[in-house]
């Protein structure tokens, strides 16, 4: 760590005053990023900046520790919080230079959203117990997203292997993916693919609909099933029925679509 800037709001007796602290790191110091916090909103963005910046915003008593160990930028909650620490909004903002590409990004959050914009990295692993996960204009080989209670949204991104799960919340995907494994317990899945799938994929919802948009040049062998709903494919003209098979193009890539309670639409 080579620089530190800290600014606080005015002190008020018996109250926790929102404050802000910025810590800067040289990109050469860091190979990967690991965030493990309890109740913060985490924003990660690549920008036109020279150094890596970690900006903590909110109640100072609830700030996590920020440090580097073995080339890993660690942002970690290291103490238990009490009711006396206050309930103000807590944010962690991580700004990365455009030229910086970490080898891995690992984000964990018990209560709060996780958001990435313009990030490029081989591996992304995000999980949150209560909060949403969002990726915008990101590029990665391997992405694993998990939410216990919250939505997952990916837009304008290029991802080779995507694995995403939400227990209670919708999944919305838009971009290019080689393979997708998407599962939601209570919520819908909507996927708009900008390029054909290249490997075996599946979209499954226990309670909610599936809506899939694929390019005309796709080659898919579809296996579909729905307990309470119908299947309709506007590209092939196949509709109706609770289960069966369908094919787009030569049917080279296996695709499983399953909605226990909800309809399945392909276009």
Protein backbone atom coordinates (compact mmCIF):
# COMPACT_ATOMS: atom_id res chain seq x y z
CA UNK A 1 0.00 0.00 0.00
CA UNK A 2 1.58 3.27 -1.02
CA UNK A 3 -1.11 5.87 -0.45
CA UNK A 4 -3.97 6.65 1.87
CA UNK A 5 -6.62 9.34 1.95
CA UNK A 6 -9.25 9.58 4.62
CA UNK A 7 -12.09 12.03 5.02
CA UNK A 8 -14.91 12.03 7.55
CA UNK A 9 -18.13 13.89 8.14
CA UNK A 10 -18.46 16.20 11.13
CA UNK A 11 -18.53 14.42 14.49
CA UNK A 12 -21.86 14.47 16.26
CA UNK A 13 -22.11 13.37 19.89
CA UNK A 14 -23.58 9.89 20.46
CA UNK A 15 -24.13 9.32 16.72
CA UNK A 16 -22.23 7.36 14.08
CA UNK A 17 -21.54 9.80 11.26
CA UNK A 18 -21.15 8.55 7.68
CA UNK A 19 -17.55 8.83 6.50
CA UNK A 20 -15.39 7.92 3.53
CA UNK A 21 -11.92 6.48 3.19
CA UNK A 22 -9.90 5.78 0.05
CA UNK A 23 -6.89 3.47 -0.13
CA UNK A 24 -4.72 3.17 -3.25
CA UNK A 25 -2.57 0.31 -4.51
CA UNK A 26 -0.16 -0.11 -7.41
CA UNK A 27 -1.47 -2.68 -9.93
CA UNK A 28 1.89 -4.47 -9.77
CA UNK A 29 1.16 -5.34 -6.11
CA UNK A 30 -2.03 -7.30 -6.84
CA UNK A 31 -2.76 -10.47 -8.81
CA UNK A 32 -6.32 -11.27 -7.61
CA UNK A 33 -9.16 -9.82 -5.51
CA UNK A 34 -10.96 -11.47 -2.57
CA UNK A 35 -13.90 -9.73 -0.83
CA UNK A 36 -15.68 -11.41 2.11
CA UNK A 37 -18.07 -9.08 3.96
CA UNK A 38 -21.35 -9.28 5.85
CA UNK A 39 -23.55 -6.29 4.99
CA UNK A 40 -22.08 -4.03 2.33
CA UNK A 41 -22.96 -3.16 -1.24
CA UNK A 42 -19.91 -3.94 -3.38
CA UNK A 43 -19.23 -2.14 -6.68
CA UNK A 44 -16.32 -3.20 -8.89
CA UNK A 45 -15.53 -1.19 -12.04
CA UNK A 46 -12.70 -0.79 -14.53
CA UNK A 47 -12.06 2.89 -15.24
CA UNK A 48 -9.55 5.31 -16.72
CA UNK A 49 -7.44 5.49 -13.56
CA UNK A 50 -3.76 4.82 -12.83
CA UNK A 51 -3.97 2.95 -9.54
CA UNK A 52 -6.34 0.50 -7.87
CA UNK A 53 -8.62 2.31 -5.42
CA UNK A 54 -10.68 0.86 -2.58
CA UNK A 55 -13.28 3.35 -1.34
CA UNK A 56 -15.16 2.63 1.89
CA UNK A 57 -18.30 4.65 2.45
CA UNK A 58 -20.65 4.64 5.45
CA UNK A 59 -20.35 4.12 9.19
CA UNK A 60 -16.65 3.94 10.05
CA UNK A 61 -17.28 1.35 12.78
CA UNK A 62 -18.47 -1.09 10.12
CA UNK A 63 -15.59 -0.71 7.68
CA UNK A 64 -13.87 -3.96 6.73
CA UNK A 65 -10.11 -4.48 6.80
CA UNK A 66 -8.25 -3.77 3.54
CA UNK A 67 -4.82 -5.28 2.93
CA UNK A 68 -2.63 -7.32 0.57
CA UNK A 69 -1.38 -10.83 1.31
CA UNK A 70 0.63 -12.88 -1.19
CA UNK A 71 -0.53 -10.66 -4.04
CA UNK A 72 -4.22 -10.95 -3.11
CA UNK A 73 -6.18 -7.79 -2.35
CA UNK A 74 -8.26 -8.76 0.70
CA UNK A 75 -11.33 -6.85 1.90
CA UNK A 76 -12.65 -8.72 4.92
CA UNK A 77 -14.97 -8.22 7.92
CA UNK A 78 -12.84 -9.23 10.89
CA UNK A 79 -15.08 -8.40 13.83
CA UNK A 80 -18.70 -8.84 14.89
CA UNK A 81 -21.01 -5.84 14.70
CA UNK A 82 -23.56 -4.71 17.25
CA UNK A 83 -26.76 -2.67 17.10
CA UNK A 84 -24.79 0.26 18.46
CA UNK A 85 -22.78 0.41 15.23
CA UNK A 86 -25.78 1.96 13.43
CA UNK A 87 -27.74 1.12 10.31
CA UNK A 88 -26.37 3.51 7.70
CA UNK A 89 -25.73 2.39 4.12
CA UNK A 90 -22.32 0.81 3.65
CA UNK A 91 -20.56 0.72 0.29
CA UNK A 92 -17.32 -0.74 -0.98
CA UNK A 93 -16.22 0.71 -4.32
CA UNK A 94 -13.25 -0.88 -6.09
CA UNK A 95 -11.85 0.98 -9.10
CA UNK A 96 -9.44 -0.85 -11.42
CA UNK A 97 -7.27 0.65 -14.18
CA UNK A 98 -8.34 -0.27 -17.71
CA UNK A 99 -5.06 -2.11 -18.27
CA UNK A 100 -5.38 -4.22 -15.11
CA UNK A 101 -6.71 -7.78 -15.44
CA UNK A 102 -6.81 -9.76 -12.16
CA UNK A 103 -6.39 -13.52 -12.42
CA UNK A 104 -9.45 -14.11 -10.24
CA UNK A 105 -12.23 -12.17 -8.49
CA UNK A 106 -13.98 -13.76 -5.50
CA UNK A 107 -16.85 -11.82 -3.88
CA UNK A 108 -18.91 -13.01 -0.90
CA UNK A 109 -21.60 -10.97 0.83
CA UNK A 110 -24.18 -11.98 3.43
CA UNK A 111 -26.48 -8.99 2.94
CA UNK A 112 -25.94 -6.52 0.12
CA UNK A 113 -25.64 -6.28 -3.66
CA UNK A 114 -22.64 -7.24 -5.80
CA UNK A 115 -22.05 -5.32 -9.02
CA UNK A 116 -19.34 -5.44 -11.71
CA UNK A 117 -18.94 -3.13 -14.72
CA UNK A 118 -16.40 -3.46 -17.56
CA UNK A 119 -14.44 -6.16 -15.72
CA UNK A 120 -12.11 -8.52 -17.60
CA UNK A 121 -10.75 -11.54 -15.73
CA UNK A 122 -10.40 -15.30 -16.34
CA UNK A 123 -12.51 -16.24 -13.29
CA UNK A 124 -15.41 -14.67 -11.35
CA UNK A 125 -17.00 -16.25 -8.27
CA UNK A 126 -19.81 -14.28 -6.58
CA UNK A 127 -22.23 -15.33 -3.85
CA UNK A 128 -24.65 -13.47 -1.59
CA UNK A 129 -27.27 -14.58 0.91
CA UNK A 130 -29.59 -11.60 0.57
CA UNK A 131 -28.99 -9.25 -2.35
CA UNK A 132 -28.66 -9.08 -6.13
CA UNK A 133 -25.70 -9.84 -8.41
CA UNK A 134 -25.11 -7.80 -11.56
CA UNK A 135 -22.49 -8.03 -14.35
CA UNK A 136 -22.40 -5.43 -17.13
CA UNK A 137 -20.04 -5.47 -20.12
CA UNK A 138 -17.80 -8.06 -18.49
CA UNK A 139 -15.53 -10.67 -20.08
CA UNK A 140 -14.52 -13.94 -18.42
CA UNK A 141 -13.79 -17.60 -19.08
CA UNK A 142 -15.49 -19.02 -15.99
CA UNK A 143 -18.30 -17.32 -14.01
CA UNK A 144 -20.08 -18.78 -10.97
CA UNK A 145 -22.93 -16.72 -9.44
CA UNK A 146 -25.10 -17.75 -6.47
CA UNK A 147 -27.94 -15.91 -4.65
CA UNK A 148 -30.05 -17.23 -1.80
CA UNK A 149 -32.54 -14.37 -2.00
CA UNK A 150 -32.00 -11.96 -4.88
CA UNK A 151 -31.85 -11.60 -8.64
CA UNK A 152 -29.00 -12.25 -11.08
CA UNK A 153 -28.54 -10.00 -14.09
CA UNK A 154 -25.89 -10.18 -16.83
CA UNK A 155 -25.89 -7.73 -19.75
CA UNK A 156 -23.55 -7.02 -22.66
CA UNK A 157 -21.05 -9.63 -21.47
CA UNK A 158 -18.93 -12.36 -23.08
CA UNK A 159 -18.58 -15.47 -20.93
CA UNK A 160 -17.40 -18.94 -21.87
CA UNK A 161 -18.79 -21.00 -18.99
CA UNK A 162 -21.64 -19.61 -16.87
CA UNK A 163 -23.07 -21.30 -13.78
CA UNK A 164 -25.76 -19.27 -11.98
CA UNK A 165 -28.24 -20.21 -9.26
CA UNK A 166 -30.89 -18.23 -7.37
CA UNK A 167 -33.17 -19.64 -4.69
CA UNK A 168 -35.60 -16.72 -4.76
CA UNK A 169 -35.23 -14.21 -7.59
CA UNK A 170 -35.17 -13.92 -11.36
CA UNK A 171 -32.24 -14.58 -13.71
CA UNK A 172 -31.76 -12.32 -16.75
CA UNK A 173 -28.96 -13.01 -19.23
CA UNK A 174 -27.93 -11.02 -22.29
CA UNK A 175 -24.66 -11.56 -24.13
CA UNK A 176 -22.49 -14.31 -25.61
CA UNK A 177 -22.02 -17.60 -23.76
CA UNK A 178 -20.36 -20.87 -24.78
CA UNK A 179 -22.36 -22.78 -22.15
CA UNK A 180 -25.00 -21.93 -19.55
CA UNK A 181 -26.18 -23.78 -16.46
CA UNK A 182 -28.96 -21.62 -14.95
CA UNK A 183 -31.18 -22.73 -12.06
CA UNK A 184 -33.83 -20.81 -10.13
CA UNK A 185 -36.15 -22.15 -7.43
CA UNK A 186 -38.68 -19.33 -7.30
CA UNK A 187 -38.45 -16.94 -10.25
CA UNK A 188 -38.22 -16.75 -14.03
CA UNK A 189 -35.26 -17.10 -16.39
CA UNK A 190 -34.91 -14.87 -19.45
CA UNK A 191 -31.90 -15.35 -21.71
CA UNK A 192 -31.09 -13.38 -24.87
CA UNK A 193 -28.12 -14.99 -26.62
CA UNK A 194 -26.06 -12.86 -29.01
CA UNK A 195 -24.10 -15.82 -30.35
CA UNK A 196 -24.82 -19.58 -30.62
CA UNK A 197 -24.16 -21.88 -27.67
CA UNK A 198 -21.09 -24.05 -28.18
CA UNK A 199 -21.43 -26.60 -25.36
CA UNK A 200 -24.17 -28.52 -23.54
CA UNK A 201 -26.43 -26.14 -21.57
CA UNK A 202 -29.51 -26.14 -19.34
CA UNK A 203 -32.10 -23.69 -17.99
CA UNK A 204 -34.29 -24.89 -15.11
CA UNK A 205 -36.98 -23.23 -13.01
CA UNK A 206 -39.06 -24.83 -10.26
CA UNK A 207 -41.61 -22.01 -10.06
CA UNK A 208 -41.40 -19.59 -12.97
CA UNK A 209 -41.26 -19.34 -16.75
CA UNK A 210 -38.35 -19.80 -19.19
CA UNK A 211 -37.90 -17.38 -22.10
CA UNK A 212 -34.97 -18.02 -24.45
CA UNK A 213 -33.94 -16.02 -27.51
CA UNK A 214 -31.25 -17.58 -29.75
CA UNK A 215 -29.53 -16.53 -33.01
CA UNK A 216 -30.80 -17.98 -36.29
CA UNK A 217 -27.50 -19.81 -36.86
CA UNK A 218 -27.88 -21.83 -33.64
CA UNK A 219 -27.64 -25.62 -33.76
CA UNK A 220 -29.56 -27.01 -30.79
CA UNK A 221 -30.99 -30.36 -29.82
CA UNK A 222 -33.65 -29.36 -27.27
CA UNK A 223 -35.14 -31.56 -24.58
CA UNK A 224 -38.00 -29.78 -22.81
CA UNK A 225 -40.41 -30.54 -19.98
CA UNK A 226 -43.00 -28.61 -18.01
CA UNK A 227 -45.49 -29.84 -15.40
CA UNK A 228 -47.79 -26.82 -15.33
CA UNK A 229 -47.34 -24.83 -18.52
CA UNK A 230 -46.75 -25.18 -22.26
CA UNK A 231 -43.82 -25.25 -24.71
CA UNK A 232 -43.64 -22.98 -27.74
CA UNK A 233 -40.78 -22.51 -30.21
CA UNK A 234 -41.38 -19.79 -32.79
CA UNK A 235 -38.27 -20.83 -34.77
CA UNK A 236 -39.44 -24.40 -35.36
CA UNK A 237 -43.19 -24.02 -35.04
CA UNK A 238 -43.37 -26.68 -32.33
CA UNK A 239 -45.87 -25.86 -29.58
CA UNK A 240 -48.00 -27.50 -26.93
CA UNK A 241 -47.31 -30.61 -24.93
CA UNK A 242 -45.68 -31.07 -21.56
CA UNK A 243 -42.46 -32.73 -22.66
CA UNK A 244 -40.59 -33.75 -25.77
CA UNK A 245 -37.71 -32.94 -28.07
CA UNK A 246 -37.13 -30.20 -30.62
CA UNK A 247 -34.31 -29.21 -32.94
CA UNK A 248 -32.90 -25.97 -34.28
CA UNK A 249 -30.45 -26.37 -37.17
CA UNK A 250 -28.48 -29.60 -37.03
CA UNK A 251 -29.14 -30.04 -33.33
CA UNK A 252 -25.44 -30.42 -32.46
CA UNK A 253 -25.56 -28.79 -29.00
CA UNK A 254 -27.67 -30.38 -26.26
CA UNK A 255 -30.01 -27.96 -24.46
CA UNK A 256 -32.29 -28.92 -21.58
CA UNK A 257 -35.23 -26.67 -20.71
CA UNK A 258 -37.27 -27.53 -17.62
CA UNK A 259 -40.02 -25.53 -15.92
CA UNK A 260 -41.91 -27.35 -13.18
CA UNK A 261 -44.51 -24.61 -12.83
CA UNK A 262 -44.36 -22.23 -15.78
CA UNK A 263 -44.25 -22.01 -19.57
CA UNK A 264 -41.25 -22.39 -21.91
CA UNK A 265 -40.78 -20.02 -24.86
CA UNK A 266 -38.02 -20.16 -27.48
CA UNK A 267 -37.60 -17.59 -30.23
